[in-house]
Amino acid sequence: MKRTQTMNFVDEVSKIPGGEGVKVCMQCGTCTASCPSAKLWEYTPSEIIAMVRANLRDEVLSSSSMWACLSCYSCTVRCPRDVEPTNLFHILESLAVKYGYKPRNTNMPVMYNCFVNSIKKNGRVSEFGIMLGYYMSTNPFTALGMMPVAWKLLSHGRMPISAKRIKGRRDLIKIVGKLNEIRGV
């Protein structure tokens, strides 16, 4: 894992667009109460925010918590201080990948990278490509158990083997690159 910057963790996160709200959280717990997947989190959403504020960089970035975010935005909609927890958790995922942290008990960073690579390659998501990349990176033998499902999807035209690339894919890559540059990720 790369050593992260010497900057205070809460300051680093709050300087990334979407992470500004971490400093105004009042720890009301609405994000945790709103989260349909909170039971799966190593630390609850409100605990993660408190840990960021306590500068527990290594504990946060090596946890599996933010990878359990479903991006349903229930926490963001209900937050009384407009912290935007969903955006914050995605920032933490990006920082974990950037600095080479490996979360405990999850393969979600692998799925994340397969998803991002699919978009970079095609300009859109290729379900078959994502799953192929995921299983080849984690456990190819698990893919064998998924063959009946894959066959049904393929035979009914629900999952094409190859994704058609969108027009303007290079422009999309430039936009994503500029966004990453702005976010410092």
N, C-alpha and C. Protein backbone atom coordinates (compact mmCIF):
# COMPACT_ATOMS: atom_id res chain seq x y z
N MET A 1 0.84 -1.16 0.00
CA MET A 1 0.00 0.00 0.00
C MET A 1 0.89 1.23 0.00
N LYS A 2 0.51 2.21 -0.79
CA LYS A 2 1.25 3.47 -0.82
C LYS A 2 0.98 4.23 0.47
N ARG A 3 1.97 4.89 0.96
CA ARG A 3 1.74 5.77 2.11
C ARG A 3 1.02 7.00 1.61
N THR A 4 0.01 7.38 2.33
CA THR A 4 -0.77 8.53 1.92
C THR A 4 -0.06 9.82 2.31
N GLN A 5 -0.62 10.91 1.88
CA GLN A 5 -0.03 12.22 2.13
C GLN A 5 0.02 12.50 3.63
N THR A 6 0.86 13.44 4.00
CA THR A 6 0.97 13.82 5.40
C THR A 6 -0.16 14.76 5.81
N MET A 7 -0.97 15.20 4.85
CA MET A 7 -2.08 16.10 5.15
C MET A 7 -3.06 15.40 6.10
N ASN A 8 -3.62 16.15 6.98
CA ASN A 8 -4.67 15.70 7.86
C ASN A 8 -5.75 15.00 7.03
N PHE A 9 -6.21 13.83 7.43
CA PHE A 9 -7.15 13.05 6.62
C PHE A 9 -8.46 13.80 6.40
N VAL A 10 -9.00 14.40 7.45
CA VAL A 10 -10.26 15.12 7.29
C VAL A 10 -10.10 16.29 6.32
N ASP A 11 -8.96 16.94 6.34
CA ASP A 11 -8.71 18.05 5.40
C ASP A 11 -8.57 17.53 3.98
N GLU A 12 -7.87 16.41 3.82
CA GLU A 12 -7.71 15.81 2.50
C GLU A 12 -9.07 15.45 1.90
N VAL A 13 -9.92 14.81 2.69
CA VAL A 13 -11.25 14.41 2.21
C VAL A 13 -12.11 15.63 1.93
N SER A 14 -12.07 16.62 2.80
CA SER A 14 -12.94 17.78 2.63
C SER A 14 -12.54 18.67 1.46
N LYS A 15 -11.32 18.53 0.98
CA LYS A 15 -10.87 19.33 -0.17
C LYS A 15 -11.29 18.71 -1.50
N ILE A 16 -11.75 17.48 -1.48
CA ILE A 16 -12.21 16.82 -2.70
C ILE A 16 -13.68 17.18 -2.90
N PRO A 17 -14.05 17.67 -4.10
CA PRO A 17 -15.46 18.00 -4.34
C PRO A 17 -16.37 16.82 -3.98
N GLY A 18 -17.35 17.11 -3.12
CA GLY A 18 -18.26 16.08 -2.63
C GLY A 18 -17.92 15.66 -1.20
N GLY A 19 -16.73 16.01 -0.74
CA GLY A 19 -16.31 15.63 0.60
C GLY A 19 -16.36 16.76 1.60
N GLU A 20 -16.79 17.94 1.15
CA GLU A 20 -16.79 19.12 2.01
C GLU A 20 -17.65 18.94 3.25
N GLY A 21 -18.74 18.21 3.12
CA GLY A 21 -19.70 18.07 4.21
C GLY A 21 -19.20 17.29 5.41
N VAL A 22 -18.08 16.58 5.27
CA VAL A 22 -17.60 15.76 6.37
C VAL A 22 -17.34 16.61 7.62
N LYS A 23 -17.01 17.86 7.44
CA LYS A 23 -16.70 18.73 8.59
C LYS A 23 -17.95 19.26 9.29
N VAL A 24 -19.11 19.18 8.66
CA VAL A 24 -20.32 19.72 9.29
C VAL A 24 -21.24 18.64 9.86
N CYS A 25 -20.85 17.39 9.76
CA CYS A 25 -21.66 16.31 10.30
C CYS A 25 -21.84 16.48 11.80
N MET A 26 -23.07 16.32 12.27
CA MET A 26 -23.34 16.45 13.71
C MET A 26 -23.56 15.10 14.38
N GLN A 27 -23.25 14.02 13.65
CA GLN A 27 -23.35 12.66 14.19
C GLN A 27 -24.74 12.33 14.72
N CYS A 28 -25.77 12.68 13.93
CA CYS A 28 -27.14 12.40 14.35
C CYS A 28 -27.53 10.94 14.10
N GLY A 29 -26.80 10.28 13.19
CA GLY A 29 -27.07 8.87 12.90
C GLY A 29 -28.14 8.65 11.84
N THR A 30 -28.64 9.72 11.23
CA THR A 30 -29.67 9.57 10.20
C THR A 30 -29.16 8.75 9.02
N CYS A 31 -27.89 8.92 8.67
CA CYS A 31 -27.34 8.15 7.55
C CYS A 31 -27.37 6.65 7.85
N THR A 32 -26.98 6.28 9.05
CA THR A 32 -26.98 4.87 9.43
C THR A 32 -28.41 4.34 9.48
N ALA A 33 -29.33 5.11 10.07
CA ALA A 33 -30.72 4.68 10.17
C ALA A 33 -31.39 4.56 8.81
N SER A 34 -30.93 5.33 7.83
CA SER A 34 -31.51 5.32 6.49
C SER A 34 -30.91 4.24 5.59
N CYS A 35 -29.77 3.70 5.97
CA CYS A 35 -29.01 2.81 5.09
C CYS A 35 -29.57 1.39 5.09
N PRO A 36 -30.01 0.90 3.92
CA PRO A 36 -30.54 -0.47 3.86
C PRO A 36 -29.46 -1.54 4.00
N SER A 37 -28.20 -1.16 3.84
CA SER A 37 -27.13 -2.16 3.94
C SER A 37 -26.25 -1.96 5.17
N ALA A 38 -26.66 -1.10 6.10
CA ALA A 38 -25.82 -0.76 7.26
C ALA A 38 -25.39 -2.00 8.05
N LYS A 39 -26.22 -3.03 8.06
CA LYS A 39 -25.86 -4.26 8.80
C LYS A 39 -24.64 -4.95 8.20
N LEU A 40 -24.37 -4.69 6.93
CA LEU A 40 -23.24 -5.32 6.25
C LEU A 40 -21.94 -4.56 6.43
N TRP A 41 -22.03 -3.36 6.93
CA TRP A 41 -20.85 -2.50 7.05
C TRP A 41 -20.00 -2.92 8.23
N GLU A 42 -18.71 -2.91 8.05
CA GLU A 42 -17.78 -3.16 9.15
C GLU A 42 -17.95 -2.07 10.22
N TYR A 43 -18.04 -0.83 9.76
CA TYR A 43 -18.37 0.32 10.60
C TYR A 43 -19.57 0.98 9.95
N THR A 44 -20.51 1.47 10.72
CA THR A 44 -21.71 2.08 10.15
C THR A 44 -21.34 3.37 9.41
N PRO A 45 -22.26 3.87 8.57
CA PRO A 45 -21.97 5.13 7.88
C PRO A 45 -21.59 6.27 8.82
N SER A 46 -22.32 6.43 9.92
CA SER A 46 -21.97 7.52 10.84
C SER A 46 -20.63 7.26 11.53
N GLU A 47 -20.30 6.01 11.79
CA GLU A 47 -18.98 5.70 12.37
C GLU A 47 -17.86 6.04 11.38
N ILE A 48 -18.07 5.73 10.11
CA ILE A 48 -17.05 6.05 9.10
C ILE A 48 -16.80 7.56 9.06
N ILE A 49 -17.88 8.33 9.09
CA ILE A 49 -17.72 9.79 9.07
C ILE A 49 -16.97 10.25 10.32
N ALA A 50 -17.32 9.71 11.47
CA ALA A 50 -16.61 10.07 12.71
C ALA A 50 -15.14 9.66 12.64
N MET A 51 -14.86 8.52 12.03
CA MET A 51 -13.48 8.06 11.90
C MET A 51 -12.67 8.96 10.97
N VAL A 52 -13.31 9.44 9.90
CA VAL A 52 -12.62 10.39 9.01
C VAL A 52 -12.28 11.64 9.81
N ARG A 53 -13.24 12.13 10.57
CA ARG A 53 -13.03 13.35 11.37
C ARG A 53 -11.98 13.14 12.45
N ALA A 54 -11.79 11.90 12.88
CA ALA A 54 -10.79 11.59 13.90
C ALA A 54 -9.43 11.26 13.27
N ASN A 55 -9.34 11.45 11.94
CA ASN A 55 -8.09 11.21 11.20
C ASN A 55 -7.61 9.76 11.26
N LEU A 56 -8.55 8.82 11.27
CA LEU A 56 -8.21 7.40 11.29
C LEU A 56 -8.11 6.88 9.85
N ARG A 57 -7.20 7.45 9.10
CA ARG A 57 -7.01 7.18 7.68
C ARG A 57 -6.87 5.68 7.39
N ASP A 58 -5.92 5.03 8.02
CA ASP A 58 -5.66 3.62 7.72
C ASP A 58 -6.86 2.75 8.06
N GLU A 59 -7.50 3.00 9.19
CA GLU A 59 -8.66 2.20 9.59
C GLU A 59 -9.81 2.37 8.60
N VAL A 60 -10.05 3.60 8.16
CA VAL A 60 -11.14 3.86 7.22
C VAL A 60 -10.83 3.25 5.85
N LEU A 61 -9.67 3.56 5.30
CA LEU A 61 -9.37 3.14 3.93
C LEU A 61 -9.12 1.63 3.81
N SER A 62 -8.80 0.97 4.90
CA SER A 62 -8.62 -0.49 4.82
C SER A 62 -9.88 -1.24 5.22
N SER A 63 -10.93 -0.52 5.61
CA SER A 63 -12.17 -1.20 5.98
C SER A 63 -12.98 -1.55 4.74
N SER A 64 -13.90 -2.45 4.92
CA SER A 64 -14.78 -2.85 3.80
C SER A 64 -16.06 -2.02 3.78
N SER A 65 -16.21 -1.11 4.73
CA SER A 65 -17.47 -0.41 4.93
C SER A 65 -17.98 0.34 3.70
N MET A 66 -17.20 1.29 3.19
CA MET A 66 -17.73 2.13 2.11
C MET A 66 -18.04 1.32 0.85
N TRP A 67 -17.43 0.16 0.73
CA TRP A 67 -17.69 -0.70 -0.43
C TRP A 67 -19.08 -1.34 -0.35
N ALA A 68 -19.70 -1.29 0.83
CA ALA A 68 -21.05 -1.84 1.00
C ALA A 68 -22.13 -0.82 0.65
N CYS A 69 -21.74 0.40 0.31
CA CYS A 69 -22.71 1.44 -0.05
C CYS A 69 -23.42 1.04 -1.34
N LEU A 70 -24.74 1.07 -1.31
CA LEU A 70 -25.55 0.69 -2.46
C LEU A 70 -25.84 1.86 -3.41
N SER A 71 -25.39 3.04 -3.05
CA SER A 71 -25.65 4.25 -3.84
C SER A 71 -27.14 4.50 -4.03
N CYS A 72 -27.91 4.22 -3.00
CA CYS A 72 -29.36 4.47 -3.07
C CYS A 72 -29.68 5.93 -2.71
N TYR A 73 -28.73 6.63 -2.12
CA TYR A 73 -28.83 8.03 -1.74
C TYR A 73 -29.86 8.32 -0.65
N SER A 74 -30.33 7.29 0.05
CA SER A 74 -31.27 7.51 1.16
C SER A 74 -30.63 8.38 2.24
N CYS A 75 -29.36 8.12 2.53
CA CYS A 75 -28.66 8.91 3.55
C CYS A 75 -28.51 10.36 3.11
N THR A 76 -28.19 10.55 1.86
CA THR A 76 -27.96 11.90 1.34
C THR A 76 -29.25 12.71 1.35
N VAL A 77 -30.35 12.08 0.96
CA VAL A 77 -31.64 12.77 0.92
C VAL A 77 -32.09 13.16 2.32
N ARG A 78 -31.80 12.32 3.30
CA ARG A 78 -32.31 12.55 4.66
C ARG A 78 -31.35 13.32 5.57
N CYS A 79 -30.14 13.56 5.14
CA CYS A 79 -29.15 14.22 6.00
C CYS A 79 -29.58 15.66 6.31
N PRO A 80 -29.73 16.00 7.59
CA PRO A 80 -30.17 17.36 7.93
C PRO A 80 -29.09 18.42 7.73
N ARG A 81 -27.85 18.02 7.54
CA ARG A 81 -26.75 18.98 7.37
C ARG A 81 -26.18 18.96 5.95
N ASP A 82 -26.81 18.22 5.03
CA ASP A 82 -26.35 18.12 3.63
C ASP A 82 -24.91 17.64 3.51
N VAL A 83 -24.56 16.64 4.31
CA VAL A 83 -23.21 16.08 4.28
C VAL A 83 -22.94 15.33 2.98
N GLU A 84 -23.96 14.79 2.35
CA GLU A 84 -23.85 13.97 1.14
C GLU A 84 -22.99 12.72 1.40
N PRO A 85 -23.43 11.87 2.33
CA PRO A 85 -22.65 10.69 2.68
C PRO A 85 -22.33 9.77 1.50
N THR A 86 -23.26 9.60 0.58
CA THR A 86 -23.01 8.71 -0.56
C THR A 86 -21.79 9.18 -1.34
N ASN A 87 -21.71 10.47 -1.64
CA ASN A 87 -20.56 11.01 -2.35
C ASN A 87 -19.28 10.83 -1.53
N LEU A 88 -19.40 11.03 -0.23
CA LEU A 88 -18.26 10.86 0.66
C LEU A 88 -17.73 9.43 0.60
N PHE A 89 -18.64 8.45 0.59
CA PHE A 89 -18.20 7.05 0.56
C PHE A 89 -17.53 6.71 -0.77
N HIS A 90 -18.01 7.30 -1.85
CA HIS A 90 -17.36 7.07 -3.14
C HIS A 90 -15.97 7.72 -3.19
N ILE A 91 -15.83 8.86 -2.54
CA ILE A 91 -14.52 9.49 -2.43
C ILE A 91 -13.57 8.57 -1.66
N LEU A 92 -14.06 8.00 -0.57
CA LEU A 92 -13.22 7.10 0.24
C LEU A 92 -12.83 5.85 -0.55
N GLU A 93 -13.75 5.34 -1.38
CA GLU A 93 -13.40 4.20 -2.25
C GLU A 93 -12.27 4.60 -3.20
N SER A 94 -12.41 5.77 -3.80
CA SER A 94 -11.39 6.24 -4.74
C SER A 94 -10.04 6.42 -4.06
N LEU A 95 -10.04 6.96 -2.85
CA LEU A 95 -8.79 7.14 -2.12
C LEU A 95 -8.18 5.79 -1.76
N ALA A 96 -9.03 4.83 -1.38
CA ALA A 96 -8.52 3.49 -1.04
C ALA A 96 -7.84 2.86 -2.25
N VAL A 97 -8.45 2.99 -3.42
CA VAL A 97 -7.85 2.45 -4.64
C VAL A 97 -6.58 3.21 -4.99
N LYS A 98 -6.65 4.53 -4.91
CA LYS A 98 -5.49 5.37 -5.24
C LYS A 98 -4.27 5.02 -4.40
N TYR A 99 -4.48 4.80 -3.12
CA TYR A 99 -3.38 4.54 -2.20
C TYR A 99 -3.09 3.05 -1.99
N GLY A 100 -3.81 2.19 -2.69
CA GLY A 100 -3.51 0.76 -2.65
C GLY A 100 -3.97 0.02 -1.41
N TYR A 101 -4.98 0.53 -0.75
CA TYR A 101 -5.51 -0.18 0.42
C TYR A 101 -6.34 -1.38 -0.03
N LYS A 102 -6.23 -2.45 0.69
CA LYS A 102 -7.01 -3.66 0.42
C LYS A 102 -7.99 -3.86 1.56
N PRO A 103 -9.28 -3.64 1.30
CA PRO A 103 -10.25 -3.80 2.38
C PRO A 103 -10.38 -5.26 2.80
N ARG A 104 -10.70 -5.43 4.06
CA ARG A 104 -10.88 -6.77 4.59
C ARG A 104 -12.22 -7.33 4.15
N ASN A 105 -12.26 -8.62 3.91
CA ASN A 105 -13.49 -9.38 3.68
C ASN A 105 -14.34 -8.94 2.50
N THR A 106 -13.74 -8.43 1.45
CA THR A 106 -14.54 -8.07 0.28
C THR A 106 -13.67 -8.04 -0.97
N ASN A 107 -14.30 -8.35 -2.08
CA ASN A 107 -13.65 -8.24 -3.39
C ASN A 107 -14.17 -7.03 -4.16
N MET A 108 -14.85 -6.12 -3.48
CA MET A 108 -15.46 -5.00 -4.16
C MET A 108 -14.48 -4.11 -4.92
N PRO A 109 -13.26 -3.88 -4.44
CA PRO A 109 -12.35 -3.08 -5.26
C PRO A 109 -12.07 -3.75 -6.62
N VAL A 110 -12.06 -5.06 -6.65
CA VAL A 110 -11.86 -5.76 -7.92
C VAL A 110 -13.04 -5.48 -8.84
N MET A 111 -14.26 -5.56 -8.30
CA MET A 111 -15.46 -5.27 -9.08
C MET A 111 -15.44 -3.82 -9.54
N TYR A 112 -15.05 -2.92 -8.66
CA TYR A 112 -14.94 -1.49 -8.96
C TYR A 112 -14.01 -1.28 -10.15
N ASN A 113 -12.83 -1.88 -10.10
CA ASN A 113 -11.86 -1.72 -11.19
C ASN A 113 -12.37 -2.32 -12.49
N CYS A 114 -13.05 -3.46 -12.43
CA CYS A 114 -13.61 -4.08 -13.64
C CYS A 114 -14.68 -3.17 -14.24
N PHE A 115 -15.50 -2.56 -13.40
CA PHE A 115 -16.54 -1.64 -13.85
C PHE A 115 -15.91 -0.43 -14.54
N VAL A 116 -14.93 0.19 -13.88
CA VAL A 116 -14.26 1.37 -14.44
C VAL A 116 -13.55 1.03 -15.75
N ASN A 117 -12.88 -0.10 -15.79
CA ASN A 117 -12.18 -0.52 -17.01
C ASN A 117 -13.15 -0.74 -18.16
N SER A 118 -14.34 -1.29 -17.86
CA SER A 118 -15.36 -1.50 -18.90
C SER A 118 -15.80 -0.16 -19.49
N ILE A 119 -16.01 0.82 -18.63
CA ILE A 119 -16.43 2.14 -19.12
C ILE A 119 -15.31 2.81 -19.91
N LYS A 120 -14.08 2.68 -19.44
CA LYS A 120 -12.95 3.26 -20.17
C LYS A 120 -12.82 2.63 -21.55
N LYS A 121 -13.01 1.33 -21.62
CA LYS A 121 -12.83 0.61 -22.87
C LYS A 121 -13.97 0.87 -23.86
N ASN A 122 -15.21 0.87 -23.36
CA ASN A 122 -16.37 0.92 -24.24
C ASN A 122 -17.19 2.20 -24.17
N GLY A 123 -16.99 2.97 -23.09
CA GLY A 123 -17.84 4.13 -22.89
C GLY A 123 -19.15 3.77 -22.24
N ARG A 124 -19.33 2.53 -21.95
CA ARG A 124 -20.54 2.02 -21.29
C ARG A 124 -20.19 0.72 -20.58
N VAL A 125 -21.13 0.22 -19.82
CA VAL A 125 -20.90 -1.01 -19.05
C VAL A 125 -21.12 -2.23 -19.93
N SER A 126 -20.19 -3.16 -19.86
CA SER A 126 -20.35 -4.46 -20.49
C SER A 126 -20.47 -5.48 -19.37
N GLU A 127 -21.70 -5.95 -19.11
CA GLU A 127 -21.92 -6.88 -18.00
C GLU A 127 -21.07 -8.13 -18.14
N PHE A 128 -21.02 -8.67 -19.34
CA PHE A 128 -20.23 -9.88 -19.56
C PHE A 128 -18.75 -9.60 -19.29
N GLY A 129 -18.25 -8.48 -19.79
CA GLY A 129 -16.85 -8.13 -19.58
C GLY A 129 -16.51 -7.89 -18.12
N ILE A 130 -17.43 -7.23 -17.40
CA ILE A 130 -17.20 -6.98 -15.98
C ILE A 130 -17.11 -8.30 -15.22
N MET A 131 -18.07 -9.18 -15.46
CA MET A 131 -18.09 -10.44 -14.72
C MET A 131 -16.92 -11.34 -15.11
N LEU A 132 -16.56 -11.33 -16.37
CA LEU A 132 -15.41 -12.13 -16.81
C LEU A 132 -14.14 -11.61 -16.11
N GLY A 133 -13.94 -10.30 -16.12
CA GLY A 133 -12.78 -9.72 -15.45
C GLY A 133 -12.79 -10.00 -13.96
N TYR A 134 -13.96 -9.90 -13.35
CA TYR A 134 -14.08 -10.13 -11.91
C TYR A 134 -13.71 -11.57 -11.55
N TYR A 135 -14.31 -12.52 -12.24
CA TYR A 135 -14.04 -13.92 -11.90
C TYR A 135 -12.61 -14.32 -12.24
N MET A 136 -12.07 -13.79 -13.31
CA MET A 136 -10.68 -14.12 -13.65
C MET A 136 -9.70 -13.52 -12.63
N SER A 137 -10.08 -12.41 -12.02
CA SER A 137 -9.22 -11.76 -11.03
C SER A 137 -9.39 -12.34 -9.62
N THR A 138 -10.53 -12.93 -9.34
CA THR A 138 -10.78 -13.44 -7.98
C THR A 138 -10.68 -14.95 -7.91
N ASN A 139 -11.61 -15.65 -8.57
CA ASN A 139 -11.61 -17.10 -8.54
C ASN A 139 -12.28 -17.63 -9.81
N PRO A 140 -11.48 -18.00 -10.82
CA PRO A 140 -12.06 -18.47 -12.08
C PRO A 140 -12.99 -19.66 -11.92
N PHE A 141 -12.75 -20.48 -10.91
CA PHE A 141 -13.59 -21.67 -10.73
C PHE A 141 -15.00 -21.32 -10.28
N THR A 142 -15.16 -20.18 -9.62
CA THR A 142 -16.50 -19.73 -9.22
C THR A 142 -17.34 -19.45 -10.45
N ALA A 143 -16.70 -19.00 -11.52
CA ALA A 143 -17.41 -18.71 -12.76
C ALA A 143 -18.10 -19.95 -13.32
N LEU A 144 -17.51 -21.10 -13.08
CA LEU A 144 -18.13 -22.34 -13.57
C LEU A 144 -19.51 -22.55 -12.97
N GLY A 145 -19.67 -22.20 -11.71
CA GLY A 145 -20.98 -22.32 -11.06
C GLY A 145 -22.00 -21.34 -11.61
N MET A 146 -21.53 -20.28 -12.22
CA MET A 146 -22.42 -19.27 -12.78
C MET A 146 -22.79 -19.54 -14.25
N MET A 147 -22.20 -20.57 -14.82
CA MET A 147 -22.44 -20.86 -16.25
C MET A 147 -23.91 -21.05 -16.60
N PRO A 148 -24.72 -21.77 -15.79
CA PRO A 148 -26.14 -21.90 -16.15
C PRO A 148 -26.86 -20.55 -16.24
N VAL A 149 -26.56 -19.65 -15.31
CA VAL A 149 -27.18 -18.33 -15.34
C VAL A 149 -26.69 -17.55 -16.56
N ALA A 150 -25.38 -17.60 -16.80
CA ALA A 150 -24.81 -16.90 -17.95
C ALA A 150 -25.41 -17.42 -19.25
N TRP A 151 -25.56 -18.72 -19.36
CA TRP A 151 -26.12 -19.31 -20.58
C TRP A 151 -27.55 -18.82 -20.81
N LYS A 152 -28.37 -18.79 -19.76
CA LYS A 152 -29.75 -18.31 -19.90
C LYS A 152 -29.78 -16.85 -20.35
N LEU A 153 -28.92 -16.04 -19.74
CA LEU A 153 -28.88 -14.63 -20.12
C LEU A 153 -28.43 -14.46 -21.58
N LEU A 154 -27.39 -15.20 -21.96
CA LEU A 154 -26.88 -15.12 -23.33
C LEU A 154 -27.91 -15.62 -24.34
N SER A 155 -28.52 -16.74 -24.05
CA SER A 155 -29.45 -17.34 -25.01
C SER A 155 -30.73 -16.53 -25.18
N HIS A 156 -31.08 -15.73 -24.20
CA HIS A 156 -32.26 -14.88 -24.31
C HIS A 156 -31.92 -13.45 -24.73
N GLY A 157 -30.66 -13.24 -25.11
CA GLY A 157 -30.26 -11.92 -25.58
C GLY A 157 -30.20 -10.86 -24.50
N ARG A 158 -30.13 -11.28 -23.25
CA ARG A 158 -30.13 -10.34 -22.13
C ARG A 158 -28.73 -9.87 -21.72
N MET A 159 -27.70 -10.55 -22.25
CA MET A 159 -26.34 -10.17 -21.90
C MET A 159 -25.44 -10.44 -23.11
N PRO A 160 -25.21 -9.42 -23.93
CA PRO A 160 -24.34 -9.63 -25.08
C PRO A 160 -22.90 -9.90 -24.65
N ILE A 161 -22.21 -10.71 -25.43
CA ILE A 161 -20.82 -11.04 -25.12
C ILE A 161 -19.92 -9.82 -25.28
N SER A 162 -20.16 -9.05 -26.31
CA SER A 162 -19.32 -7.86 -26.51
C SER A 162 -20.19 -6.61 -26.46
N ALA A 163 -19.63 -5.59 -25.89
CA ALA A 163 -20.34 -4.31 -25.80
C ALA A 163 -19.98 -3.45 -27.00
N LYS A 164 -20.95 -2.76 -27.52
CA LYS A 164 -20.68 -1.81 -28.59
C LYS A 164 -20.12 -0.55 -27.98
N ARG A 165 -19.06 -0.06 -28.56
CA ARG A 165 -18.46 1.17 -28.06
C ARG A 165 -19.31 2.36 -28.47
N ILE A 166 -19.40 3.32 -27.58
CA ILE A 166 -20.17 4.52 -27.89
C ILE A 166 -19.33 5.48 -28.73
N LYS A 167 -20.01 6.33 -29.46
CA LYS A 167 -19.32 7.40 -30.17
C LYS A 167 -18.88 8.41 -29.13
N GLY A 168 -17.74 9.00 -29.33
CA GLY A 168 -17.25 9.99 -28.38
C GLY A 168 -16.62 9.39 -27.14
N ARG A 169 -16.21 8.13 -27.22
CA ARG A 169 -15.60 7.45 -26.07
C ARG A 169 -14.36 8.20 -25.60
N ARG A 170 -13.58 8.70 -26.53
CA ARG A 170 -12.36 9.44 -26.16
C ARG A 170 -12.71 10.72 -25.40
N ASP A 171 -13.81 11.37 -25.80
CA ASP A 171 -14.25 12.56 -25.08
C ASP A 171 -14.66 12.21 -23.66
N LEU A 172 -15.34 11.08 -23.51
CA LEU A 172 -15.74 10.62 -22.18
C LEU A 172 -14.52 10.37 -21.31
N ILE A 173 -13.50 9.75 -21.87
CA ILE A 173 -12.27 9.48 -21.12
C ILE A 173 -11.61 10.78 -20.69
N LYS A 174 -11.64 11.80 -21.56
CA LYS A 174 -11.08 13.11 -21.20
C LYS A 174 -11.87 13.74 -20.06
N ILE A 175 -13.19 13.62 -20.11
CA ILE A 175 -14.04 14.18 -19.06
C ILE A 175 -13.76 13.50 -17.72
N VAL A 176 -13.68 12.18 -17.73
CA VAL A 176 -13.39 11.43 -16.50
C VAL A 176 -12.00 11.78 -15.99
N GLY A 177 -11.04 11.91 -16.89
CA GLY A 177 -9.68 12.29 -16.50
C GLY A 177 -9.65 13.66 -15.85
N LYS A 178 -10.38 14.61 -16.42
CA LYS A 178 -10.44 15.96 -15.86
C LYS A 178 -11.10 15.95 -14.49
N LEU A 179 -12.16 15.15 -14.34
CA LEU A 179 -12.83 15.04 -13.06
C LEU A 179 -11.89 14.45 -12.01
N ASN A 180 -11.15 13.41 -12.37
CA ASN A 180 -10.18 12.82 -11.44
C ASN A 180 -9.10 13.82 -11.07
N GLU A 181 -8.70 14.62 -12.04
CA GLU A 181 -7.66 15.65 -11.77
C GLU A 181 -8.19 16.68 -10.77
N ILE A 182 -9.43 17.11 -10.96
CA ILE A 182 -10.05 18.09 -10.06
C ILE A 182 -10.20 17.49 -8.66
N ARG A 183 -10.62 16.23 -8.60
CA ARG A 183 -10.83 15.57 -7.32
C ARG A 183 -9.53 15.14 -6.66
N GLY A 184 -8.44 15.18 -7.40
CA GLY A 184 -7.15 14.78 -6.84
C GLY A 184 -7.02 13.28 -6.67
N VAL A 185 -7.79 12.55 -7.47
CA VAL A 185 -7.80 11.08 -7.37
C VAL A 185 -7.10 10.47 -8.55
